[in-house]
N, C-alpha and C. Protein backbone atom coordinates (compact mmCIF):
# COMPACT_ATOMS: atom_id res chain seq x y z
N MET A 1 -8.21 -13.42 4.47
CA MET A 1 -8.48 -12.20 4.70
C MET A 1 -7.27 -11.48 5.43
N ILE A 2 -6.69 -10.54 4.88
CA ILE A 2 -5.47 -9.77 5.34
C ILE A 2 -6.00 -8.37 6.02
N ASN A 3 -5.84 -8.03 7.27
CA ASN A 3 -6.17 -6.93 7.89
C ASN A 3 -5.18 -5.97 7.78
N LEU A 4 -5.13 -4.78 7.61
CA LEU A 4 -4.14 -3.79 7.52
C LEU A 4 -4.65 -2.36 8.11
N THR A 5 -3.75 -1.58 8.44
CA THR A 5 -4.06 -0.20 8.76
C THR A 5 -3.39 0.67 7.78
N VAL A 6 -4.38 1.44 6.97
CA VAL A 6 -3.92 2.34 5.91
C VAL A 6 -4.19 3.74 6.24
N ASN A 7 -3.31 4.62 6.37
CA ASN A 7 -3.49 6.07 6.65
C ASN A 7 -4.24 6.13 7.94
N GLY A 8 -3.99 5.21 8.88
CA GLY A 8 -4.59 5.35 10.25
C GLY A 8 -5.84 4.60 10.34
N LYS A 9 -6.43 3.96 9.26
CA LYS A 9 -7.76 3.37 9.19
C LYS A 9 -7.60 1.96 9.12
N PRO A 10 -8.52 1.21 9.77
CA PRO A 10 -8.52 -0.35 9.47
C PRO A 10 -8.98 -0.67 8.02
N ARG A 11 -8.32 -1.55 7.28
CA ARG A 11 -8.69 -2.06 5.99
C ARG A 11 -8.51 -3.38 6.09
N SER A 12 -9.48 -4.09 5.22
CA SER A 12 -9.24 -5.43 5.02
C SER A 12 -9.40 -5.86 3.57
N ILE A 13 -8.51 -6.92 3.11
CA ILE A 13 -8.33 -7.57 1.94
C ILE A 13 -9.04 -8.90 1.80
N GLU A 14 -10.05 -9.00 1.23
CA GLU A 14 -10.49 -10.31 0.92
C GLU A 14 -9.96 -10.95 -0.40
N THR A 15 -9.32 -11.93 -0.25
CA THR A 15 -8.57 -12.51 -1.40
C THR A 15 -8.49 -14.11 -1.31
N THR A 16 -8.57 -14.58 -2.34
CA THR A 16 -8.34 -16.03 -2.73
C THR A 16 -6.79 -16.48 -2.94
N GLU A 17 -6.23 -15.43 -3.15
CA GLU A 17 -4.81 -15.72 -3.41
C GLU A 17 -3.97 -15.95 -2.23
N ALA A 18 -2.97 -16.70 -2.22
CA ALA A 18 -1.94 -16.90 -1.17
C ALA A 18 -1.40 -15.61 -0.63
N THR A 19 -1.03 -14.77 -1.49
CA THR A 19 -0.43 -13.55 -1.20
C THR A 19 -0.88 -12.35 -2.06
N VAL A 20 -0.88 -11.15 -1.31
CA VAL A 20 -1.13 -9.94 -2.28
C VAL A 20 0.02 -9.17 -2.16
N ASP A 21 0.57 -8.68 -3.29
CA ASP A 21 1.57 -7.68 -3.26
C ASP A 21 1.07 -6.23 -3.31
N LEU A 22 2.05 -5.39 -2.94
CA LEU A 22 1.75 -3.83 -2.67
C LEU A 22 1.31 -3.09 -3.88
N GLU A 23 1.99 -3.38 -4.99
CA GLU A 23 1.65 -2.89 -6.06
C GLU A 23 0.24 -3.17 -6.58
N SER A 24 -0.06 -4.33 -6.60
CA SER A 24 -1.44 -4.87 -6.94
C SER A 24 -2.46 -4.22 -6.00
N TYR A 25 -2.25 -4.04 -4.72
CA TYR A 25 -2.97 -3.41 -3.88
C TYR A 25 -3.22 -2.03 -4.14
N LEU A 26 -2.19 -1.23 -4.32
CA LEU A 26 -2.43 0.13 -4.78
C LEU A 26 -3.11 0.29 -6.09
N VAL A 27 -2.77 -0.36 -7.15
CA VAL A 27 -3.45 -0.28 -8.28
C VAL A 27 -4.97 -0.54 -8.32
N SER A 28 -5.33 -1.45 -7.47
CA SER A 28 -6.64 -1.79 -7.25
C SER A 28 -7.50 -0.67 -6.63
N PHE A 29 -6.94 0.47 -6.34
CA PHE A 29 -7.51 1.72 -5.81
C PHE A 29 -7.36 2.75 -7.07
N GLY A 30 -6.86 2.37 -8.03
CA GLY A 30 -6.73 3.33 -9.14
C GLY A 30 -5.69 4.39 -8.90
N LEU A 31 -4.76 4.24 -8.13
CA LEU A 31 -3.70 5.28 -7.73
C LEU A 31 -2.56 5.15 -8.81
N ASN A 32 -2.21 6.13 -9.21
CA ASN A 32 -1.07 6.29 -10.19
C ASN A 32 0.40 6.22 -9.32
N LEU A 33 1.10 5.08 -9.46
CA LEU A 33 2.04 4.79 -8.79
C LEU A 33 3.24 5.78 -8.83
N GLN A 34 3.25 6.59 -10.06
CA GLN A 34 4.27 7.71 -10.21
C GLN A 34 4.19 8.75 -9.29
N PHE A 35 2.99 8.96 -8.69
CA PHE A 35 2.64 10.07 -8.06
C PHE A 35 2.39 9.91 -6.43
N ILE A 36 2.91 8.76 -6.07
CA ILE A 36 2.55 8.52 -4.62
C ILE A 36 3.79 8.18 -3.90
N ALA A 37 3.88 8.28 -2.66
CA ALA A 37 5.01 7.59 -1.74
C ALA A 37 4.28 6.67 -0.78
N VAL A 38 5.09 5.53 -0.38
CA VAL A 38 4.41 4.49 0.40
C VAL A 38 5.31 4.33 1.58
N GLY A 39 4.82 4.41 2.90
CA GLY A 39 5.28 3.94 4.04
C GLY A 39 4.80 2.60 4.42
N TYR A 40 5.72 1.49 4.55
CA TYR A 40 5.26 0.16 4.88
C TYR A 40 5.89 -0.06 6.21
N ASN A 41 5.21 -0.26 7.34
CA ASN A 41 5.68 -0.62 8.63
C ASN A 41 6.68 0.39 8.91
N GLY A 42 6.63 1.65 8.77
CA GLY A 42 7.47 2.66 9.09
C GLY A 42 8.76 2.83 8.31
N GLU A 43 8.90 2.30 7.09
CA GLU A 43 9.92 2.51 6.04
C GLU A 43 9.30 2.88 4.88
N VAL A 44 9.91 3.90 4.18
CA VAL A 44 9.65 4.31 2.98
C VAL A 44 10.12 3.26 1.97
N ILE A 45 9.08 2.87 1.07
CA ILE A 45 9.46 1.70 0.08
C ILE A 45 9.67 2.53 -1.25
N LYS A 46 10.73 2.04 -2.06
CA LYS A 46 11.02 2.47 -3.40
C LYS A 46 9.93 2.09 -4.15
N LYS A 47 9.51 2.70 -5.18
CA LYS A 47 8.69 2.40 -6.15
C LYS A 47 8.95 1.01 -7.04
N ASP A 48 10.03 0.73 -7.08
CA ASP A 48 10.59 -0.53 -7.92
C ASP A 48 10.43 -1.61 -7.07
N GLU A 49 10.24 -1.43 -5.68
CA GLU A 49 10.14 -2.48 -4.98
C GLU A 49 8.60 -2.89 -4.51
N TYR A 50 7.69 -2.17 -5.05
CA TYR A 50 6.22 -2.23 -4.66
C TYR A 50 5.61 -3.90 -5.02
N ALA A 51 6.36 -4.29 -6.18
CA ALA A 51 5.75 -5.49 -6.59
C ALA A 51 6.40 -6.57 -5.88
N THR A 52 7.41 -6.68 -5.05
CA THR A 52 7.99 -7.52 -4.30
C THR A 52 7.77 -7.53 -2.90
N VAL A 53 6.84 -6.50 -2.47
CA VAL A 53 6.36 -6.53 -0.86
C VAL A 53 5.06 -7.12 -1.04
N GLU A 54 5.07 -8.25 0.02
CA GLU A 54 3.96 -8.92 0.17
C GLU A 54 3.33 -8.55 1.38
N LEU A 55 2.14 -8.22 1.27
CA LEU A 55 1.31 -7.71 2.35
C LEU A 55 0.83 -8.78 3.36
N GLN A 56 0.94 -8.54 4.61
CA GLN A 56 0.90 -9.51 5.67
C GLN A 56 -0.28 -8.98 6.59
N ASP A 57 -0.97 -9.66 7.31
CA ASP A 57 -1.93 -9.33 8.35
C ASP A 57 -1.17 -8.55 9.42
N GLY A 58 -1.73 -7.36 9.70
CA GLY A 58 -1.20 -6.32 10.66
C GLY A 58 -0.31 -5.39 10.18
N ASP A 59 0.11 -5.25 8.75
CA ASP A 59 0.86 -4.44 8.20
C ASP A 59 0.21 -2.96 8.53
N ILE A 60 1.06 -1.90 8.49
CA ILE A 60 0.66 -0.60 8.39
C ILE A 60 1.16 0.17 7.17
N LEU A 61 0.19 0.74 6.29
CA LEU A 61 0.76 1.54 5.35
C LEU A 61 0.29 2.89 5.59
N GLU A 62 1.14 3.91 4.97
CA GLU A 62 0.92 5.34 4.83
C GLU A 62 1.02 5.65 3.41
N ILE A 63 -0.01 6.10 2.78
CA ILE A 63 0.16 6.40 1.35
C ILE A 63 0.12 7.89 1.47
N VAL A 64 0.89 8.48 0.58
CA VAL A 64 0.99 10.14 0.54
C VAL A 64 1.07 10.55 -0.90
N ARG A 65 0.22 11.50 -1.21
CA ARG A 65 -0.03 12.01 -2.66
C ARG A 65 0.41 13.44 -2.46
N PRO A 66 1.26 13.98 -3.27
CA PRO A 66 1.60 15.35 -3.38
C PRO A 66 0.47 16.29 -3.54
N VAL A 67 0.19 17.37 -3.03
CA VAL A 67 -0.61 18.29 -3.08
C VAL A 67 0.04 19.78 -3.59
N GLY A 68 -0.64 20.13 -4.59
CA GLY A 68 -0.15 21.36 -5.36
C GLY A 68 -0.68 22.39 -4.44
N GLY A 69 0.00 23.64 -4.58
CA GLY A 69 -0.48 24.91 -3.97
C GLY A 69 0.69 25.69 -3.67
N GLY A 70 0.37 26.81 -3.00
CA GLY A 70 1.44 27.75 -2.65
C GLY A 70 1.15 28.96 -1.94
């Protein structure tokens, strides 16, 4: 099990895999990766790096989606 903080809330990933990458985690929520930005432990991650980031116990994610309006 991997324990994360996502947008300020505790979340757990139950997995049988040795590692879980950020891209797979985001896709599991049905998020369109084109329309989000992700902070990973205080740093903004480029979209082309999502698949290479392996989530670790204690990681902190901030997932931001643009909101239209005016």
